Amino acid sequence: MENEYSQNREMGDIVTLKENGYGFIKGPDHNLIFFHASKLLSATFSKLKRGTKVEYEVVNGSNGPVATNIIVVHDIEVERKIRKQRGDK
């Protein structure tokens, strides 16, 4: 997960999930940010729930901000523990 430590990442909560693979994240400023399942780096869309905490990057889409490189926060914490145990930086 090389994008895990990007300088421009934000934290938010999944607030809307649609059956066709898209949804919205409520960002730190309470704005809604569109996302598509294809931008998930961890977890699958079917395993997401409302309230799931995620970390992501925001890019400008044609209709406003879009989340990309989305990682479920729990998965980030597990990855960091594994790296620490292995002695990785």
Protein backbone atom coordinates (compact mmCIF):
# COMPACT_ATOMS: atom_id res chain seq x y z
CA MET A 1 0.00 0.00 0.00
CA GLU A 2 2.38 2.66 -1.13
CA ASN A 3 -0.26 5.42 -1.06
CA GLU A 4 -0.84 4.83 2.64
CA TYR A 5 1.54 7.60 3.77
CA SER A 6 0.65 10.30 1.24
CA GLN A 7 0.84 13.83 2.61
CA ASN A 8 -2.59 14.81 1.24
CA ARG A 9 -4.80 12.17 2.80
CA GLU A 10 -8.01 12.90 4.67
CA MET A 11 -10.18 10.92 7.07
CA GLY A 12 -13.92 10.54 6.77
CA ASP A 13 -16.92 8.29 7.25
CA ILE A 14 -18.95 6.41 4.65
CA VAL A 15 -22.43 7.96 4.72
CA THR A 16 -24.08 6.64 1.54
CA LEU A 17 -23.68 3.38 -0.39
CA LYS A 18 -25.52 2.60 -3.62
CA GLU A 19 -25.91 -0.87 -5.12
CA ASN A 20 -24.22 0.15 -8.36
CA GLY A 21 -20.84 0.65 -6.66
CA TYR A 22 -20.72 4.28 -5.66
CA GLY A 23 -21.28 6.26 -2.52
CA PHE A 24 -20.37 9.32 -0.53
CA ILE A 25 -17.88 10.00 2.25
CA LYS A 26 -18.41 12.79 4.79
CA GLY A 27 -15.07 14.56 5.02
CA PRO A 28 -13.52 16.41 7.95
CA ASP A 29 -15.23 19.64 6.87
CA HIS A 30 -18.58 17.77 6.62
CA ASN A 31 -18.68 18.09 2.82
CA LEU A 32 -19.80 15.03 0.89
CA ILE A 33 -17.18 13.49 -1.38
CA PHE A 34 -18.20 11.12 -4.16
CA PHE A 35 -16.42 7.76 -4.53
CA HIS A 36 -16.61 4.69 -6.73
CA ALA A 37 -15.81 1.12 -5.67
CA SER A 38 -12.97 0.99 -8.21
CA LYS A 39 -11.03 3.47 -6.03
CA LEU A 40 -10.93 1.17 -2.97
CA LEU A 41 -7.42 -0.08 -2.17
CA SER A 42 -8.57 -2.26 0.69
CA ALA A 43 -11.83 -4.01 1.47
CA THR A 44 -14.50 -4.67 -1.09
CA PHE A 45 -17.52 -2.50 -1.71
CA SER A 46 -19.85 -5.22 -0.43
CA LYS A 47 -18.08 -5.20 2.96
CA LEU A 48 -18.45 -1.44 3.50
CA LYS A 49 -21.13 -0.13 5.84
CA ARG A 50 -22.44 3.29 6.73
CA GLY A 51 -20.14 4.74 9.38
CA THR A 52 -17.03 2.89 8.17
CA LYS A 53 -14.00 5.13 8.75
CA VAL A 54 -11.78 5.57 5.71
CA GLU A 55 -8.64 7.42 4.70
CA TYR A 56 -8.45 8.76 1.14
CA GLU A 57 -7.08 11.36 -1.25
CA VAL A 58 -9.28 13.96 -2.92
CA VAL A 59 -9.00 14.79 -6.61
CA ASN A 60 -11.06 17.19 -8.69
CA GLY A 61 -13.63 15.36 -10.78
CA SER A 62 -15.81 16.83 -13.53
CA ASN A 63 -18.66 17.32 -11.03
CA GLY A 64 -16.67 18.20 -7.91
CA PRO A 65 -14.38 16.46 -5.43
CA VAL A 66 -13.84 12.70 -5.80
CA ALA A 67 -12.19 10.31 -3.32
CA THR A 68 -9.45 8.02 -4.62
CA ASN A 69 -6.95 5.58 -3.09
CA ILE A 70 -9.47 4.75 -0.35
CA ILE A 71 -8.34 2.56 2.56
CA VAL A 72 -10.50 1.39 5.44
CA VAL A 73 -8.89 2.75 8.63
CA HIS A 74 -8.86 -0.67 10.32
CA ASP A 75 -6.86 -2.06 7.37
CA ILE A 76 -4.30 0.74 7.72
CA GLU A 77 -3.79 -0.03 11.42
CA VAL A 78 -3.36 -3.75 10.71
CA GLU A 79 -0.84 -3.03 7.92
CA ARG A 80 1.17 -0.71 10.20
CA LYS A 81 1.29 -3.36 12.96
CA ILE A 82 2.50 -6.00 10.49
CA ARG A 83 5.20 -3.67 9.15
CA LYS A 84 6.33 -2.82 12.67
CA GLN A 85 6.54 -6.50 13.63
CA ARG A 86 8.60 -7.24 10.50
CA GLY A 87 10.85 -4.26 11.21
CA ASP A 88 9.81 -2.39 8.06
CA LYS A 89 9.80 1.40 8.04
